[in-house]
Amino acid sequence: MIRTSLALIPLIALVACGQASQSGDTKTAPEATASKEATPAAAPAAGPATPAPAAGPSPEDAKILASLPAPYNEGDLANGRRQFAKCRSCHVIEKGGDNRVGPALHGVFGRTAGTTAGFNYSPALKGAGFVWDAGKLDQWLADPKGFLPGNRMTFVGLKQEKDRRDVIAYIKVESAK
């Protein structure tokens, strides 16, 4: 009996809170409707301030982005960050980040494929012998299995060229920090 009562307390609190937040004010329904009908052109009431979405990259990020070669210098870092969210379950981009299911990607450009310390690569990637650059990463991101058969990455790829450009720009900017 006590367990059931204790379990109902949060539910009752949520119901009570939900009703207050749904109505938005303390007027009865007819009064609220009449008030809204009487002032259709009125400006919205000032409420709690909500943070505005980020207008663009930080000055530091914008400077790094501008220094990248075309087309990456025109990358959309916000979209790159969104696209990289698909990678975060397996990879980190932060400096000093540890390997996860996939290797840490900070500083990947200029690194020979299959050589991140402490990561157990597939034989295909260990023997690939190429150095990561934007072009190689673009091919990899478009179709990892097609680009290098035998690798263990389960990601199906980014089909949109713009998304690949943006995530490459994002990785380049984050790696420069």
Protein backbone atom coordinates (compact mmCIF):
# COMPACT_ATOMS: atom_id res chain seq x y z
CA MET A 1 0.00 0.00 0.00
CA ILE A 2 2.78 2.43 0.92
CA ARG A 3 4.72 1.54 -2.25
CA THR A 4 1.67 2.26 -4.39
CA SER A 5 1.08 5.57 -2.62
CA LEU A 6 4.70 6.59 -3.02
CA ALA A 7 4.64 5.68 -6.70
CA LEU A 8 1.58 7.87 -7.27
CA ILE A 9 3.11 11.02 -5.74
CA PRO A 10 5.30 11.88 -8.79
CA LEU A 11 2.39 11.12 -11.12
CA ILE A 12 0.05 13.42 -9.19
CA ALA A 13 2.71 16.14 -9.18
CA LEU A 14 3.18 15.83 -12.95
CA VAL A 15 -0.55 16.01 -13.59
CA ALA A 16 -0.87 19.07 -11.39
CA CYS A 17 2.12 20.75 -13.04
CA GLY A 18 0.96 19.79 -16.50
CA GLN A 19 -2.43 21.45 -16.07
CA ALA A 20 -0.91 24.73 -14.96
CA SER A 21 1.66 24.81 -17.74
CA GLN A 22 -0.87 23.89 -20.43
CA SER A 23 -3.25 26.74 -19.69
CA GLY A 24 -0.53 29.34 -19.36
CA ASP A 25 -2.62 31.70 -17.21
CA THR A 26 -5.16 31.68 -14.38
CA LYS A 27 -8.22 32.99 -16.27
CA THR A 28 -11.13 30.71 -16.89
CA ALA A 29 -11.50 29.41 -20.41
CA PRO A 30 -14.26 31.85 -21.52
CA GLU A 31 -12.39 34.87 -20.15
CA ALA A 32 -9.16 33.78 -21.81
CA THR A 33 -10.93 33.29 -25.15
CA ALA A 34 -12.65 36.67 -24.91
CA SER A 35 -9.37 38.35 -24.05
CA LYS A 36 -7.63 36.78 -27.03
CA GLU A 37 -10.45 37.71 -29.40
CA ALA A 38 -10.47 41.32 -28.19
CA THR A 39 -6.79 41.87 -28.95
CA PRO A 40 -5.84 39.84 -32.03
CA ALA A 41 -3.13 42.30 -33.10
CA ALA A 42 -1.59 42.71 -29.67
CA ALA A 43 2.08 41.95 -29.29
CA PRO A 44 2.90 38.70 -27.52
CA ALA A 45 3.34 39.03 -23.79
CA ALA A 46 6.89 39.14 -22.57
CA GLY A 47 7.83 35.80 -21.12
CA PRO A 48 11.00 34.27 -19.85
CA ALA A 49 13.91 34.96 -22.13
CA THR A 50 14.93 32.05 -24.30
CA PRO A 51 18.48 31.86 -25.56
CA ALA A 52 18.82 32.76 -29.20
CA PRO A 53 20.33 30.13 -31.45
CA ALA A 54 24.00 30.60 -32.19
CA ALA A 55 24.37 33.12 -35.00
CA GLY A 56 27.45 31.50 -36.42
CA PRO A 57 30.87 30.17 -35.58
CA SER A 58 32.96 31.77 -32.86
CA PRO A 59 35.55 34.28 -34.06
CA GLU A 60 38.28 31.65 -33.51
CA ASP A 61 36.35 29.01 -35.49
CA ALA A 62 35.54 31.51 -38.26
CA LYS A 63 39.23 32.37 -38.60
CA ILE A 64 40.22 28.68 -38.83
CA LEU A 65 37.37 28.00 -41.28
CA ALA A 66 38.45 30.90 -43.53
CA SER A 67 41.99 29.49 -43.66
CA LEU A 68 40.84 26.11 -45.01
CA PRO A 69 41.15 25.32 -48.72
CA ALA A 70 38.04 25.47 -50.90
CA PRO A 71 35.37 24.15 -50.63
CA TYR A 72 35.87 23.53 -46.90
CA ASN A 73 36.37 27.24 -46.18
CA GLU A 74 32.67 27.66 -47.02
CA GLY A 75 31.55 24.79 -44.79
CA ASP A 76 28.59 25.18 -42.46
CA LEU A 77 30.05 24.33 -39.06
CA ALA A 78 26.63 24.02 -37.42
CA ASN A 79 25.62 21.41 -40.00
CA GLY A 80 29.02 19.76 -39.66
CA ARG A 81 28.48 19.48 -35.91
CA ARG A 82 25.00 17.98 -36.53
CA GLN A 83 26.42 15.49 -39.02
CA PHE A 84 29.28 14.60 -36.69
CA ALA A 85 26.68 13.69 -34.05
CA LYS A 86 26.20 10.51 -36.12
CA CYS A 87 29.89 9.74 -35.51
CA ARG A 88 30.00 10.53 -31.78
CA SER A 89 28.79 7.13 -30.63
CA CYS A 90 32.07 5.68 -31.92
CA HIS A 91 34.52 8.61 -32.26
CA VAL A 92 35.70 11.63 -30.29
CA ILE A 93 37.06 14.79 -31.89
CA GLU A 94 38.32 16.58 -28.77
CA LYS A 95 42.06 16.96 -28.29
CA GLY A 96 43.37 14.21 -26.04
CA GLY A 97 40.18 12.19 -26.44
CA ASP A 98 40.39 8.45 -25.98
CA ASN A 99 39.64 5.86 -28.62
CA ARG A 100 36.17 4.36 -28.43
CA VAL A 101 34.65 1.81 -30.78
CA GLY A 102 36.41 3.88 -33.45
CA PRO A 103 39.69 5.79 -33.17
CA ALA A 104 39.91 9.35 -31.85
CA LEU A 105 39.73 11.74 -34.81
CA HIS A 106 41.46 14.86 -33.47
CA GLY A 107 44.34 15.53 -35.84
CA VAL A 108 43.31 12.83 -38.32
CA PHE A 109 44.44 14.89 -41.33
CA GLY A 110 48.01 14.03 -42.26
CA ARG A 111 47.91 10.78 -40.30
CA THR A 112 48.60 7.47 -42.05
CA ALA A 113 45.44 5.33 -42.05
CA GLY A 114 45.40 2.62 -39.43
CA THR A 115 48.04 4.11 -37.14
CA THR A 116 46.24 5.73 -34.18
CA ALA A 117 48.07 4.54 -31.07
CA GLY A 118 46.10 2.11 -28.95
CA PHE A 119 43.40 1.33 -31.51
CA ASN A 120 42.90 -2.16 -32.93
CA TYR A 121 42.33 -1.61 -36.66
CA SER A 122 41.05 -4.11 -39.21
CA PRO A 123 43.74 -5.68 -41.42
CA ALA A 124 42.27 -3.72 -44.35
CA LEU A 125 42.87 -0.37 -42.65
CA LYS A 126 46.25 -1.37 -41.22
CA GLY A 127 47.44 -2.21 -44.72
CA ALA A 128 45.75 0.67 -46.55
CA GLY A 129 48.94 2.74 -46.67
CA PHE A 130 47.36 6.11 -47.46
CA VAL A 131 47.46 9.38 -45.54
CA TRP A 132 44.17 10.95 -44.49
CA ASP A 133 43.38 14.15 -46.36
CA ALA A 134 40.07 15.83 -47.16
CA GLY A 135 39.66 13.91 -50.43
CA LYS A 136 40.24 10.52 -48.80
CA LEU A 137 37.92 11.36 -45.92
CA ASP A 138 35.25 12.52 -48.39
CA GLN A 139 35.44 9.17 -50.21
CA TRP A 140 35.39 7.29 -46.90
CA LEU A 141 32.38 9.25 -45.60
CA ALA A 142 30.47 8.73 -48.85
CA ASP A 143 30.78 4.92 -48.71
CA PRO A 144 33.13 3.40 -46.13
CA LYS A 145 32.63 -0.21 -47.27
CA GLY A 146 32.97 0.66 -50.95
CA PHE A 147 36.02 2.86 -50.40
CA LEU A 148 37.93 0.27 -48.38
CA PRO A 149 36.40 -3.22 -48.43
CA GLY A 150 37.16 -5.23 -45.32
CA ASN A 151 37.09 -2.35 -42.84
CA ARG A 152 35.02 -2.82 -39.68
CA MET A 153 33.16 0.47 -39.68
CA THR A 154 29.40 -0.12 -39.72
CA PHE A 155 28.46 3.44 -40.74
CA VAL A 156 26.59 3.49 -44.06
CA GLY A 157 27.97 6.88 -45.09
CA LEU A 158 26.83 10.43 -45.79
CA LYS A 159 25.24 10.56 -49.23
CA GLN A 160 24.92 14.36 -49.50
CA GLU A 161 28.07 16.10 -50.73
CA LYS A 162 27.24 19.21 -48.67
CA ASP A 163 27.00 17.14 -45.48
CA ARG A 164 30.39 15.57 -46.16
CA ARG A 165 31.94 18.97 -46.90
CA ASP A 166 30.51 20.38 -43.68
CA VAL A 167 31.60 17.50 -41.45
CA ILE A 168 35.11 17.59 -42.96
CA ALA A 169 35.26 21.35 -42.29
CA TYR A 170 34.05 20.72 -38.74
CA ILE A 171 36.70 18.04 -38.13
CA LYS A 172 39.40 20.32 -39.60
CA VAL A 173 38.35 23.24 -37.38
CA GLU A 174 38.11 21.09 -34.24
CA SER A 175 41.47 19.46 -35.01
CA ALA A 176 43.11 22.89 -35.29
CA LYS A 177 42.25 23.75 -31.67
